[in-house]
Amino acid sequence: MKRILAAFLSVMLFVLPVSAAAAYKAKAPEANQNPNLHGAVVSPAENVKESKTAAPKGTKLPAATKAPKENQKPRSNIETNLLKMIGKSDGDPVESTAAAPEQPTATPTTLPKPNAGSTVKTSLLEKMGDSNAAKISASPHTNHKENPSPAVSSTDAKDKSKSGSSNDGTDGAKGGNQFGAPAEAASDKNTGNASAAKTPIKENPQGVPEPKAESAVLMEKETGTILYEKNAHKKLEPASVTKVMTLLLITEAIEDGRLSRQDMVTVSGYAAGMGGSQVFLEEGEQMSVNDLLKAVAVASVNDAATALAEAVAGSEEAFVARMNERAKELGMKDSTFQNCTGLPAEDHVTSAYDIAVMSRQLLKCPFIREFTTIWMDSLRDGAFGLSNTNKLIRFYKGATGLKTGSTATALFCLSATAQRDGMELIAAVMKAPTSVDRFETAKSLLNYGFANYQIVDVHPEQAMPPVDVELGVKNAVQPVLAKSSRILVEKTAVKSLTQKTAVCGKVQAPVEKGQKLGEMVVSVNGQVRETIPVVASEAVPRLTVGGLFKKMTELLFMKEK
């Protein structure tokens, strides 16, 4: 044994300088070298293309002549020897044409029962060209997700008659459908983008009564999928539904720590003078952010909304500028705001689609439903009563909000939200002729959504096996799904939902946390609905020369035993 170890150490003294020189030369590869390194992922097309320029088809090149991929270290002689010792050698000559990929570890399952012959259209290996994934950018497939005065006071109606518009506090005025797809409002509140609709789940949905409104949209909140639309992008006056954006900016300020619900706000003369629905704030009066927020969410009052806007931005003008910036961040291309209240103003417009987008974003606030689900409450130690302008809160099962609005020119508008069986829907209605029409239209849209769709949790039936890591400080890394696997499907199609998971068999270190190792493809009726990346759960650094020496020594002793 001592002789073997002495001989091994003697060999190492010779190999280390040689391998170091080889690694140095490999840093400046010739332009015509094959760029495909063992373990690096390239598409079959790229592989073939490089092969044609490097050598005629069928020509064999030694692995040592391969140029390293960018940011990928070349293998030294020590590493190659180590791989040979552990049975993972790739030092033999390889074809210059695209190598046949190694079969991945696949875990096909069915939820709940597959239709005969349903398959995943494109396998992971067809995309990769090699089962030994190095680093793939995660790029998931995207489908293509009655009106009483709020202030119980006799002077309320008197003030509203002065202002000339009800702005949702009272009935201020009396008197082409297409199936869409996801509108991804960004989860990051500072860099949100709305992705364009790509693939509708179904065209011309049946069973939806014609909305008694100028425009309407039904959206599923979690995926952002549009289930129904009518004149979705028509620009109309939103009245007090404007306050969805006002509430969004206020709640984001609270979440960011710029504002606290316990902070006391001193009311300005400008805020106290706001017309329309109000709680009759007086100049110099102090009220907590929590109570002002409740007044806006429940009773849709304008003076409280303005006081909060000033508390967040310093002035209503600055706050409105931020409203328009936030609208652009969310991809709301149909919206222009002129004030934070929704009182009539020239070019103060939005669309049913944009209302659904900003409503979806507001619903991400963890505490907003504490206010939007209140039916009746009070301010000033019970001296001033509030009642919710949204009648669905009391009369519709699962209602969670969100905001009403009405003026003489906007007529009756509504963003109605409700949740049942783990799925929340958003019904945006604009310019309904009467208050009853807006609520009935919203109810019919919500009923259609709950009757025809559901959210299904899709995941591999069995735990995904660890992926072997070559030349890493750890021998394997655990693959995990990169995001939520909740899928929106029609109830009639649940039994045709299938999923197939493909994960590469091995990967070369270094491995980054979140590095793509495979994917799970979800299909409905044989059509791909969603592709979810499978990624590394942790980082695995590459072995150093010292680590390689230690590992080889351990292997020698293991073989000796």
Protein backbone atom coordinates (compact mmCIF):
# COMPACT_ATOMS: atom_id res chain seq x y z
CA MET A 1 0.00 0.00 0.00
CA LYS A 2 2.81 2.41 0.90
CA ARG A 3 4.45 1.70 -2.47
CA ILE A 4 1.24 2.47 -4.31
CA LEU A 5 0.75 5.75 -2.45
CA ALA A 6 4.43 6.75 -3.05
CA ALA A 7 4.07 6.02 -6.75
CA PHE A 8 0.82 7.99 -6.86
CA LEU A 9 2.43 11.04 -5.23
CA SER A 10 5.33 10.87 -7.68
CA VAL A 11 2.90 10.87 -10.59
CA MET A 12 1.06 13.85 -9.12
CA LEU A 13 4.29 15.89 -8.95
CA PHE A 14 4.66 15.37 -12.70
CA VAL A 15 0.95 15.72 -13.65
CA LEU A 16 0.20 18.96 -11.78
CA PRO A 17 2.58 21.21 -13.81
CA VAL A 18 1.48 19.57 -17.06
CA SER A 19 -2.23 20.01 -16.28
CA ALA A 20 -1.67 23.63 -15.27
CA ALA A 21 0.04 24.35 -18.58
CA ALA A 22 -2.76 22.64 -20.47
CA ALA A 23 -5.38 24.70 -18.63
CA TYR A 24 -3.48 27.92 -19.50
CA LYS A 25 -3.39 27.02 -23.19
CA ALA A 26 -7.08 26.16 -23.16
CA LYS A 27 -7.95 29.75 -22.16
CA ALA A 28 -7.15 30.94 -25.72
CA PRO A 29 -8.84 28.36 -27.98
CA GLU A 30 -8.51 28.50 -31.73
CA ALA A 31 -11.46 29.99 -33.60
CA ASN A 32 -12.22 26.74 -35.40
CA GLN A 33 -12.35 24.57 -32.28
CA ASN A 34 -15.58 22.83 -31.36
CA PRO A 35 -17.24 24.91 -28.61
CA ASN A 36 -19.30 22.03 -27.23
CA LEU A 37 -17.86 21.06 -23.86
CA HIS A 38 -19.00 17.93 -22.10
CA GLY A 39 -21.82 18.91 -19.78
CA ALA A 40 -22.64 22.18 -21.58
CA VAL A 41 -26.11 22.45 -23.07
CA VAL A 42 -26.44 23.45 -26.71
CA SER A 43 -29.32 23.08 -29.08
CA PRO A 44 -29.05 20.36 -31.73
CA ALA A 45 -29.07 22.99 -34.46
CA GLU A 46 -26.14 24.86 -32.91
CA ASN A 47 -24.23 21.63 -32.42
CA VAL A 48 -24.62 20.59 -36.04
CA LYS A 49 -23.71 24.04 -37.28
CA GLU A 50 -20.46 24.12 -35.34
CA SER A 51 -19.67 20.57 -36.41
CA LYS A 52 -19.86 21.48 -40.09
CA THR A 53 -17.34 24.27 -39.71
CA ALA A 54 -14.99 22.27 -37.50
CA ALA A 55 -14.68 19.03 -39.44
CA PRO A 56 -16.50 16.85 -41.96
CA LYS A 57 -19.34 14.80 -40.62
CA GLY A 58 -18.17 11.62 -38.95
CA THR A 59 -14.71 12.90 -38.11
CA LYS A 60 -13.67 12.08 -34.56
CA LEU A 61 -12.00 14.67 -32.41
CA PRO A 62 -10.38 14.05 -29.04
CA ALA A 63 -12.24 15.65 -26.16
CA ALA A 64 -9.14 17.60 -25.20
CA THR A 65 -9.41 19.72 -28.37
CA LYS A 66 -12.80 21.11 -27.38
CA ALA A 67 -12.76 24.77 -26.47
CA PRO A 68 -14.34 25.63 -23.14
CA LYS A 69 -17.66 27.40 -23.09
CA GLU A 70 -17.64 30.92 -21.69
CA ASN A 71 -17.37 30.89 -17.88
CA GLN A 72 -16.75 27.12 -18.00
CA LYS A 73 -13.39 25.82 -16.74
CA PRO A 74 -11.64 23.18 -18.90
CA ARG A 75 -11.02 19.79 -17.35
CA SER A 76 -7.49 19.15 -16.24
CA ASN A 77 -5.73 15.77 -16.49
CA ILE A 78 -6.43 15.25 -12.80
CA GLU A 79 -10.16 15.77 -13.33
CA THR A 80 -10.20 13.43 -16.32
CA ASN A 81 -8.36 10.78 -14.34
CA LEU A 82 -10.76 11.18 -11.46
CA LEU A 83 -13.77 10.76 -13.76
CA LYS A 84 -12.19 7.61 -15.20
CA MET A 85 -11.66 6.24 -11.69
CA ILE A 86 -15.29 6.78 -10.72
CA GLY A 87 -16.60 5.42 -14.01
CA LYS A 88 -17.66 8.73 -15.62
CA SER A 89 -14.95 9.16 -18.25
CA ASP A 90 -15.63 11.09 -21.41
CA GLY A 91 -12.08 11.15 -22.68
CA ASP A 92 -12.82 8.93 -25.68
CA PRO A 93 -13.17 10.52 -29.10
CA VAL A 94 -16.63 11.94 -29.89
CA GLU A 95 -18.44 12.45 -33.16
CA SER A 96 -18.18 15.98 -34.51
CA THR A 97 -21.88 15.91 -35.34
CA ALA A 98 -24.45 16.45 -32.57
CA ALA A 99 -24.10 13.70 -30.02
CA ALA A 100 -27.13 11.60 -29.17
CA PRO A 101 -28.46 12.84 -25.84
CA GLU A 102 -28.54 10.67 -22.77
CA GLN A 103 -32.03 9.70 -21.70
CA PRO A 104 -33.25 11.86 -18.80
CA THR A 105 -34.82 10.72 -15.60
CA ALA A 106 -38.52 11.12 -16.44
CA THR A 107 -41.48 10.95 -14.10
CA PRO A 108 -44.69 10.89 -16.17
CA THR A 109 -47.87 11.19 -14.14
CA THR A 110 -51.52 11.91 -14.76
CA LEU A 111 -53.86 14.25 -12.87
CA PRO A 112 -56.36 12.90 -12.24
CA LYS A 113 -56.77 10.52 -15.24
CA PRO A 114 -55.21 10.90 -18.68
CA ASN A 115 -57.02 10.53 -21.95
CA ALA A 116 -55.59 7.74 -24.04
CA GLY A 117 -52.72 8.92 -26.16
CA SER A 118 -52.21 12.32 -24.52
CA THR A 119 -48.53 13.24 -24.69
CA VAL A 120 -46.25 16.17 -24.16
CA LYS A 121 -45.46 17.81 -27.49
CA THR A 122 -41.82 18.71 -26.96
CA SER A 123 -39.48 16.81 -24.67
CA LEU A 124 -36.78 18.43 -22.62
CA LEU A 125 -34.06 16.54 -24.45
CA GLU A 126 -35.24 17.76 -27.86
CA LYS A 127 -34.75 21.31 -26.58
CA MET A 128 -31.43 20.61 -24.86
CA GLY A 129 -29.57 18.39 -27.32
CA ASP A 130 -27.75 16.83 -24.33
CA SER A 131 -28.93 15.37 -21.05
CA ASN A 132 -25.96 16.77 -19.15
CA ALA A 133 -27.29 20.25 -18.40
CA ALA A 134 -24.81 22.96 -17.53
CA LYS A 135 -26.84 26.15 -17.29
CA ILE A 136 -30.13 26.96 -18.98
CA SER A 137 -31.98 30.22 -18.59
CA ALA A 138 -35.40 29.60 -17.06
CA SER A 139 -38.04 30.71 -19.57
CA PRO A 140 -41.43 29.25 -18.63
CA HIS A 141 -44.10 28.87 -21.28
CA THR A 142 -46.89 31.41 -20.87
CA ASN A 143 -50.50 30.60 -21.73
CA HIS A 144 -51.79 32.43 -24.20
CA LYS A 145 -54.32 34.20 -16.67
CA GLU A 146 -78.80 50.41 -3.47
CA ASN A 147 -75.98 52.79 -3.44
CA PRO A 148 -76.79 54.74 -0.24
CA SER A 149 -74.81 57.65 1.03
CA PRO A 150 -71.74 56.29 2.83
CA ALA A 151 -72.01 58.97 5.47
CA VAL A 152 -75.18 58.54 7.49
CA SER A 153 -75.87 62.23 7.74
CA SER A 154 -78.61 64.56 6.51
CA THR A 155 -76.01 67.09 5.38
CA ASP A 156 -74.36 64.54 3.07
CA ALA A 157 -77.01 64.78 0.37
CA LYS A 158 -76.99 68.55 0.67
CA ASP A 159 -73.24 68.73 0.02
CA LYS A 160 -73.50 66.36 -2.94
CA SER A 161 -76.15 68.50 -4.58
CA LYS A 162 -73.67 71.39 -4.36
CA SER A 163 -70.86 69.46 -6.03
CA GLY A 164 -72.96 68.56 -9.08
CA SER A 165 -71.85 64.90 -9.13
CA SER A 166 -72.37 61.99 -6.82
CA ASN A 167 -69.01 60.29 -7.50
CA ASP A 168 -70.36 57.03 -6.13
CA GLY A 169 -71.88 58.28 -2.87
CA THR A 170 -75.35 58.16 -4.40
CA ASP A 171 -77.00 57.35 -7.69
CA GLY A 172 -75.53 60.23 -9.60
CA ALA A 173 -77.31 59.30 -12.84
CA LYS A 174 -80.18 57.03 -13.79
CA GLY A 175 -81.20 56.10 -16.48
CA GLY A 176 -68.89 41.39 -29.52
CA ASN A 177 -67.85 39.14 -26.78
CA GLN A 178 -64.51 37.37 -27.03
CA PHE A 179 -62.58 34.92 -24.94
CA GLY A 180 -59.10 36.15 -24.03
CA ALA A 181 -55.99 35.01 -22.16
CA PRO A 182 -53.51 35.94 -19.43
CA ALA A 183 -52.60 39.49 -18.59
CA GLU A 184 -49.64 39.15 -16.24
CA ALA A 185 -49.57 42.07 -13.87
CA ALA A 186 -46.15 41.99 -12.33
CA SER A 187 -45.62 40.55 -8.89
CA ASP A 188 -42.83 43.03 -8.31
CA LYS A 189 -44.58 46.25 -7.47
CA ASN A 190 -41.84 48.48 -8.85
CA THR A 191 -41.18 46.82 -12.19
CA GLY A 192 -44.53 45.36 -13.16
CA ASN A 193 -45.39 44.52 -16.74
CA ALA A 194 -48.54 43.16 -18.29
CA SER A 195 -47.80 40.47 -20.82
CA ALA A 196 -49.93 40.32 -23.94
CA ALA A 197 -52.63 37.69 -24.26
CA LYS A 198 -51.38 34.72 -26.28
CA THR A 199 -53.52 31.59 -26.18
CA PRO A 200 -57.23 31.66 -25.33
CA ILE A 201 -58.58 28.67 -23.43
CA LYS A 202 -61.82 28.77 -25.36
CA GLU A 203 -63.42 31.04 -27.94
CA ASN A 204 -66.96 32.42 -27.81
CA PRO A 205 -67.91 31.16 -24.34
CA GLN A 206 -71.48 30.02 -24.00
CA GLY A 207 -73.77 30.72 -21.08
CA VAL A 208 -72.76 34.34 -20.44
CA PRO A 209 -75.72 36.75 -20.57
CA GLU A 210 -75.09 39.89 -22.61
CA PRO A 211 -73.67 42.43 -20.15
CA LYS A 212 -75.88 45.46 -19.58
CA ALA A 213 -72.87 47.73 -19.73
CA GLU A 214 -70.70 49.47 -22.30
CA SER A 215 -67.70 47.27 -21.45
CA ALA A 216 -66.89 44.35 -19.17
CA VAL A 217 -64.06 41.95 -18.34
CA LEU A 218 -63.85 38.77 -16.24
CA MET A 219 -60.34 37.85 -15.03
CA GLU A 220 -59.02 35.03 -12.85
CA LYS A 221 -56.78 36.64 -10.24
CA GLU A 222 -53.97 34.10 -9.71
CA THR A 223 -53.10 33.47 -13.37
CA GLY A 224 -54.39 36.76 -14.80
CA THR A 225 -56.37 34.83 -17.42
CA ILE A 226 -59.17 36.75 -19.16
CA LEU A 227 -62.26 34.50 -19.17
CA TYR A 228 -64.63 36.95 -20.84
CA GLU A 229 -64.48 40.42 -22.36
CA LYS A 230 -66.65 42.99 -24.07
CA ASN A 231 -65.03 46.20 -25.39
CA ALA A 232 -62.21 45.43 -22.95
CA HIS A 233 -59.94 48.29 -24.08
CA LYS A 234 -62.55 50.99 -24.69
CA LYS A 235 -61.51 54.15 -22.82
CA LEU A 236 -64.27 55.35 -20.49
CA GLU A 237 -64.64 57.43 -17.34
CA PRO A 238 -64.16 55.23 -14.27
CA ALA A 239 -65.68 57.53 -11.60
CA SER A 240 -64.69 56.33 -8.10
CA VAL A 241 -63.28 53.04 -9.42
CA THR A 242 -60.25 55.34 -9.85
CA LYS A 243 -59.69 54.75 -6.14
CA VAL A 244 -58.47 51.21 -6.88
CA MET A 245 -55.23 52.84 -8.03
CA THR A 246 -55.35 55.28 -5.10
CA LEU A 247 -55.68 52.39 -2.65
CA LEU A 248 -52.91 50.48 -4.44
CA LEU A 249 -50.38 53.30 -3.95
CA ILE A 250 -51.42 53.84 -0.33
CA THR A 251 -51.16 50.14 0.58
CA GLU A 252 -47.78 49.89 -1.18
CA ALA A 253 -46.56 52.87 0.86
CA ILE A 254 -47.66 51.04 4.01
CA GLU A 255 -45.96 47.81 2.94
CA ASP A 256 -42.77 49.73 2.11
CA GLY A 257 -42.73 51.37 5.52
CA ARG A 258 -43.16 54.90 4.15
CA LEU A 259 -46.51 55.08 5.93
CA SER A 260 -47.95 53.32 8.98
CA ARG A 261 -51.58 52.47 9.64
CA GLN A 262 -51.16 54.08 13.07
CA ASP A 263 -49.83 57.39 11.69
CA MET A 264 -52.00 60.45 12.31
CA VAL A 265 -52.73 62.58 9.24
CA THR A 266 -53.50 66.29 9.56
CA VAL A 267 -56.20 67.25 7.05
CA SER A 268 -55.43 70.15 4.71
CA GLY A 269 -57.94 72.76 3.60
CA TYR A 270 -57.72 71.38 0.07
CA ALA A 271 -58.62 67.85 1.17
CA ALA A 272 -61.42 69.09 3.43
CA GLY A 273 -62.94 70.99 0.49
CA MET A 274 -63.33 67.95 -1.78
CA GLY A 275 -66.84 67.54 -3.16
CA GLY A 276 -68.77 64.37 -3.80
CA SER A 277 -69.03 61.66 -1.16
CA GLN A 278 -67.17 62.53 2.04
CA VAL A 279 -66.90 62.09 5.79
CA PHE A 280 -66.78 65.87 6.26
CA LEU A 281 -63.18 66.19 7.39
CA GLU A 282 -62.30 69.63 8.72
CA GLU A 283 -59.11 71.52 8.05
CA GLY A 284 -56.61 70.76 10.80
CA GLU A 285 -58.51 67.64 11.94
CA GLN A 286 -56.36 64.61 12.62
CA MET A 287 -57.36 61.06 11.70
CA SER A 288 -55.34 57.85 11.57
CA VAL A 289 -54.25 56.30 8.29
CA ASN A 290 -56.23 53.20 9.26
CA ASP A 291 -59.51 55.13 9.63
CA LEU A 292 -58.93 57.15 6.46
CA LEU A 293 -58.20 53.94 4.56
CA LYS A 294 -61.40 52.39 5.91
CA ALA A 295 -63.42 55.44 4.85
CA VAL A 296 -62.08 55.21 1.28
CA ALA A 297 -62.44 51.44 0.90
CA VAL A 298 -65.90 51.18 2.47
CA ALA A 299 -67.66 54.46 1.69
CA SER A 300 -65.57 55.69 -1.28
CA VAL A 301 -65.13 59.17 0.19
CA ASN A 302 -63.14 61.84 -1.60
CA ASP A 303 -61.83 63.97 1.28
CA ALA A 304 -60.18 60.96 2.96
CA ALA A 305 -58.68 59.81 -0.37
CA THR A 306 -57.15 63.25 -0.93
CA ALA A 307 -55.80 63.46 2.62
CA LEU A 308 -54.07 60.09 2.16
CA ALA A 309 -52.69 61.12 -1.24
CA GLU A 310 -51.13 64.22 0.34
CA ALA A 311 -49.70 62.10 3.18
CA VAL A 312 -47.99 59.79 0.67
CA ALA A 313 -46.76 62.26 -1.97
CA GLY A 314 -47.05 65.73 -0.44
CA SER A 315 -49.72 66.91 -2.85
CA GLU A 316 -52.49 65.45 -4.99
CA GLU A 317 -50.64 66.56 -8.13
CA ALA A 318 -47.53 64.59 -7.18
CA PHE A 319 -49.66 61.62 -6.19
CA VAL A 320 -51.48 61.64 -9.55
CA ALA A 321 -48.14 61.67 -11.37
CA ARG A 322 -47.23 58.54 -9.43
CA MET A 323 -50.62 56.99 -10.32
CA ASN A 324 -49.83 57.38 -14.02
CA GLU A 325 -46.31 56.00 -13.55
CA ARG A 326 -47.67 52.96 -11.74
CA ALA A 327 -50.23 52.43 -14.49
CA LYS A 328 -47.41 52.28 -17.06
CA GLU A 329 -45.48 49.83 -14.89
CA LEU A 330 -48.52 47.54 -14.83
CA GLY A 331 -49.01 47.79 -18.60
CA MET A 332 -52.26 49.77 -18.31
CA LYS A 333 -52.12 51.37 -21.77
CA ASP A 334 -55.71 52.65 -21.74
CA SER A 335 -55.44 54.72 -18.55
CA THR A 336 -54.79 58.40 -17.83
CA PHE A 337 -55.53 59.77 -14.37
CA GLN A 338 -56.13 63.46 -13.57
CA ASN A 339 -57.05 63.13 -9.88
CA CYS A 340 -57.08 60.59 -7.08
CA THR A 341 -60.84 60.59 -6.52
CA GLY A 342 -62.50 59.95 -9.87
CA LEU A 343 -64.39 63.25 -9.93
CA PRO A 344 -65.16 64.26 -13.55
CA ALA A 345 -62.12 65.70 -15.35
CA GLU A 346 -61.09 65.99 -18.98
CA ASP A 347 -59.10 62.97 -20.23
CA HIS A 348 -59.56 61.07 -16.96
CA VAL A 349 -60.14 57.62 -18.46
CA THR A 350 -59.38 53.93 -18.16
CA SER A 351 -60.77 50.64 -19.50
CA ALA A 352 -62.39 47.51 -18.09
CA TYR A 353 -59.20 45.60 -18.86
CA ASP A 354 -57.03 48.11 -16.97
CA ILE A 355 -59.45 48.08 -14.02
CA ALA A 356 -59.05 44.29 -13.82
CA VAL A 357 -55.25 44.62 -13.97
CA MET A 358 -54.97 47.18 -11.16
CA SER A 359 -57.60 45.33 -9.11
CA ARG A 360 -55.56 42.16 -9.39
CA GLN A 361 -52.50 44.02 -8.15
CA LEU A 362 -54.40 45.56 -5.23
CA LEU A 363 -55.64 42.12 -4.15
CA LYS A 364 -52.01 41.10 -3.58
CA CYS A 365 -52.00 43.40 -0.56
CA PRO A 366 -52.27 41.12 2.48
CA PHE A 367 -54.60 43.41 4.47
CA ILE A 368 -56.82 45.11 1.87
CA ARG A 369 -59.68 42.63 2.38
CA GLU A 370 -59.87 43.72 6.02
CA PHE A 371 -61.43 46.92 4.65
CA THR A 372 -63.12 45.92 1.38
CA THR A 373 -65.24 43.18 3.04
CA ILE A 374 -66.71 45.51 5.71
CA TRP A 375 -70.45 45.94 5.30
CA MET A 376 -71.07 48.58 7.97
CA ASP A 377 -68.72 50.37 10.37
CA SER A 378 -68.16 53.76 11.95
CA LEU A 379 -65.60 56.52 12.56
CA ARG A 380 -64.95 59.01 15.34
CA ASP A 381 -65.75 56.54 18.13
CA GLY A 382 -69.02 55.48 16.56
CA ALA A 383 -70.33 58.99 15.97
CA PHE A 384 -70.18 58.71 12.15
CA GLY A 385 -71.59 55.69 10.34
CA LEU A 386 -70.22 54.07 7.18
CA SER A 387 -71.99 51.64 4.86
CA ASN A 388 -70.40 49.84 1.93
CA THR A 389 -71.37 51.13 -1.51
CA ASN A 390 -70.75 47.61 -2.90
CA LYS A 391 -73.97 45.66 -2.25
CA LEU A 392 -72.36 42.39 -3.34
CA ILE A 393 -70.44 42.34 -0.05
CA ARG A 394 -73.66 41.49 1.73
CA PHE A 395 -75.62 39.64 -0.94
CA TYR A 396 -73.09 37.64 -3.01
CA LYS A 397 -71.42 34.50 -1.63
CA GLY A 398 -67.66 34.86 -1.34
CA ALA A 399 -67.54 38.57 -2.23
CA THR A 400 -64.21 40.20 -1.30
CA GLY A 401 -64.58 43.71 -2.78
CA LEU A 402 -63.65 45.86 -4.44
CA LYS A 403 -64.81 49.32 -5.60
CA THR A 404 -67.88 51.07 -6.99
CA GLY A 405 -68.15 54.34 -8.91
CA SER A 406 -70.80 56.55 -10.48
CA THR A 407 -71.18 60.06 -11.88
CA ALA A 408 -73.63 61.69 -14.28
CA THR A 409 -71.27 61.09 -17.23
CA ALA A 410 -69.52 57.86 -16.24
CA LEU A 411 -72.85 56.25 -15.27
CA PHE A 412 -72.36 53.15 -13.09
CA CYS A 413 -69.04 51.33 -12.78
CA LEU A 414 -67.80 48.48 -10.61
CA SER A 415 -64.81 46.29 -9.86
CA ALA A 416 -66.34 43.24 -8.17
CA THR A 417 -64.21 40.46 -6.68
CA ALA A 418 -65.21 37.15 -5.11
CA GLN A 419 -63.49 33.96 -4.00
CA ARG A 420 -64.77 30.38 -3.90
CA ASP A 421 -62.98 27.03 -3.62
CA GLY A 422 -59.53 28.63 -3.75
CA MET A 423 -60.19 30.66 -6.91
CA GLU A 424 -60.72 34.45 -6.92
CA LEU A 425 -62.35 36.26 -9.84
CA ILE A 426 -62.45 39.93 -10.86
CA ALA A 427 -65.43 41.35 -12.78
CA ALA A 428 -64.89 44.87 -14.15
CA VAL A 429 -68.02 46.65 -15.38
CA MET A 430 -68.11 50.13 -16.95
CA LYS A 431 -70.92 52.49 -17.96
CA ALA A 432 -73.91 50.40 -16.93
CA PRO A 433 -77.16 52.41 -17.32
CA THR A 434 -78.33 51.78 -13.74
CA SER A 435 -76.86 50.70 -10.43
CA VAL A 436 -78.89 47.48 -10.53
CA ASP A 437 -77.50 46.70 -14.01
CA ARG A 438 -73.86 46.97 -12.86
CA PHE A 439 -74.39 44.58 -9.95
CA GLU A 440 -76.42 42.09 -12.01
CA THR A 441 -73.83 42.14 -14.78
CA ALA A 442 -71.02 41.55 -12.29
CA LYS A 443 -72.94 38.69 -10.67
CA SER A 444 -73.59 37.00 -14.03
CA LEU A 445 -69.90 37.19 -14.95
CA LEU A 446 -68.79 35.84 -11.58
CA ASN A 447 -71.38 33.05 -11.74
CA TYR A 448 -70.12 32.04 -15.19
CA GLY A 449 -66.52 31.90 -13.97
CA PHE A 450 -67.22 29.86 -10.86
CA ALA A 451 -69.49 27.45 -12.78
CA ASN A 452 -67.01 26.70 -15.55
CA TYR A 453 -63.46 26.98 -14.19
CA GLN A 454 -61.30 25.81 -11.33
CA ILE A 455 -57.70 26.00 -10.14
CA VAL A 456 -55.86 22.65 -10.07
CA ASP A 457 -52.61 21.93 -8.21
CA VAL A 458 -50.29 20.03 -10.55
CA HIS A 459 -47.10 18.41 -9.28
CA PRO A 460 -45.03 15.26 -9.87
CA GLU A 461 -46.63 12.20 -8.27
CA GLN A 462 -43.28 11.11 -6.88
CA ALA A 463 -40.36 13.08 -5.54
CA MET A 464 -37.87 13.95 -8.26
CA PRO A 465 -34.59 12.05 -7.79
CA PRO A 466 -31.37 14.00 -7.11
CA VAL A 467 -29.26 14.99 -10.12
CA ASP A 468 -25.64 13.79 -10.11
CA VAL A 469 -23.04 16.58 -10.04
CA GLU A 470 -19.66 15.97 -11.67
CA LEU A 471 -16.60 17.57 -10.10
CA GLY A 472 -18.68 19.26 -7.41
CA VAL A 473 -18.14 19.54 -3.67
CA LYS A 474 -21.38 17.58 -3.39
CA ASN A 475 -22.19 14.51 -5.44
CA ALA A 476 -25.80 15.48 -6.19
CA VAL A 477 -28.31 18.35 -6.09
CA GLN A 478 -32.06 18.16 -5.49
CA PRO A 479 -34.27 19.50 -8.32
CA VAL A 480 -37.43 21.48 -7.46
CA LEU A 481 -40.18 23.30 -9.37
CA ALA A 482 -39.27 26.94 -10.04
CA LYS A 483 -42.75 28.35 -9.37
CA SER A 484 -46.30 27.55 -8.37
CA SER A 485 -47.89 24.75 -10.35
CA ARG A 486 -51.49 25.88 -9.92
CA ILE A 487 -53.22 25.74 -13.32
CA LEU A 488 -56.56 27.25 -14.40
CA VAL A 489 -58.66 24.75 -16.36
CA GLU A 490 -62.25 24.32 -17.45
CA LYS A 491 -64.09 21.94 -15.17
CA THR A 492 -65.01 19.75 -18.14
CA ALA A 493 -61.32 19.34 -19.02
CA VAL A 494 -59.92 18.40 -15.59
CA LYS A 495 -59.83 14.68 -16.41
CA SER A 496 -57.82 15.34 -19.57
CA LEU A 497 -55.08 17.18 -17.66
CA THR A 498 -51.71 15.40 -17.78
CA GLN A 499 -48.17 16.30 -16.81
CA LYS A 500 -44.75 14.95 -17.65
CA THR A 501 -41.55 15.77 -15.82
CA ALA A 502 -38.12 15.47 -17.46
CA VAL A 503 -34.91 16.05 -15.49
CA CYS A 504 -31.33 15.69 -16.73
CA GLY A 505 -29.34 12.75 -15.35
CA LYS A 506 -26.19 14.68 -14.44
CA VAL A 507 -24.70 18.16 -14.52
CA GLN A 508 -21.18 19.52 -14.27
CA ALA A 509 -20.14 21.82 -11.43
CA PRO A 510 -20.34 24.65 -10.67
CA VAL A 511 -24.13 24.58 -10.27
CA GLU A 512 -25.97 27.77 -9.37
CA LYS A 513 -29.07 27.90 -7.19
CA GLY A 514 -32.07 28.21 -9.53
CA GLN A 515 -30.14 26.77 -12.49
CA LYS A 516 -32.48 24.94 -14.85
CA LEU A 517 -32.20 21.16 -14.72
CA GLY A 518 -35.38 20.17 -16.54
CA GLU A 519 -39.05 21.04 -16.84
CA MET A 520 -42.56 19.88 -16.12
CA VAL A 521 -44.95 20.17 -19.07
CA VAL A 522 -48.68 20.37 -18.30
CA SER A 523 -51.14 19.53 -21.08
CA VAL A 524 -54.92 19.76 -21.37
CA ASN A 525 -56.65 17.72 -24.06
CA GLY A 526 -53.22 17.01 -25.55
CA GLN A 527 -52.38 20.71 -25.89
CA VAL A 528 -49.51 22.17 -23.86
CA ARG A 529 -51.01 24.56 -21.31
CA GLU A 530 -47.91 25.42 -19.22
CA THR A 531 -44.22 24.58 -18.97
CA ILE A 532 -42.71 24.96 -15.50
CA PRO A 533 -38.90 24.89 -15.15
CA VAL A 534 -37.25 22.40 -12.79
CA VAL A 535 -34.27 24.06 -11.10
CA ALA A 536 -31.48 23.34 -8.64
CA SER A 537 -32.51 23.87 -5.03
CA GLU A 538 -29.01 24.96 -3.96
CA ALA A 539 -25.62 25.95 -5.32
CA VAL A 540 -22.86 23.35 -5.70
CA PRO A 541 -19.34 24.83 -6.14
CA ARG A 542 -16.70 23.15 -8.29
CA LEU A 543 -13.97 21.08 -6.63
CA THR A 544 -10.58 22.76 -6.28
CA VAL A 545 -7.30 21.00 -7.15
CA GLY A 546 -6.87 20.25 -3.45
CA GLY A 547 -10.38 18.85 -3.30
CA LEU A 548 -9.72 16.68 -6.35
CA PHE A 549 -6.50 15.34 -4.77
CA LYS A 550 -8.38 14.50 -1.57
CA LYS A 551 -11.17 12.78 -3.47
CA MET A 552 -8.72 10.71 -5.53
CA THR A 553 -6.87 9.68 -2.38
CA GLU A 554 -10.14 8.58 -0.77
CA LEU A 555 -11.04 6.57 -3.87
CA LEU A 556 -7.64 4.85 -3.87
CA PHE A 557 -8.03 3.78 -0.26
CA MET A 558 -11.60 2.60 -0.94
CA LYS A 559 -10.36 0.41 -3.83
CA GLU A 560 -7.50 -0.91 -1.69
CA LYS A 561 -9.94 -2.00 0.98
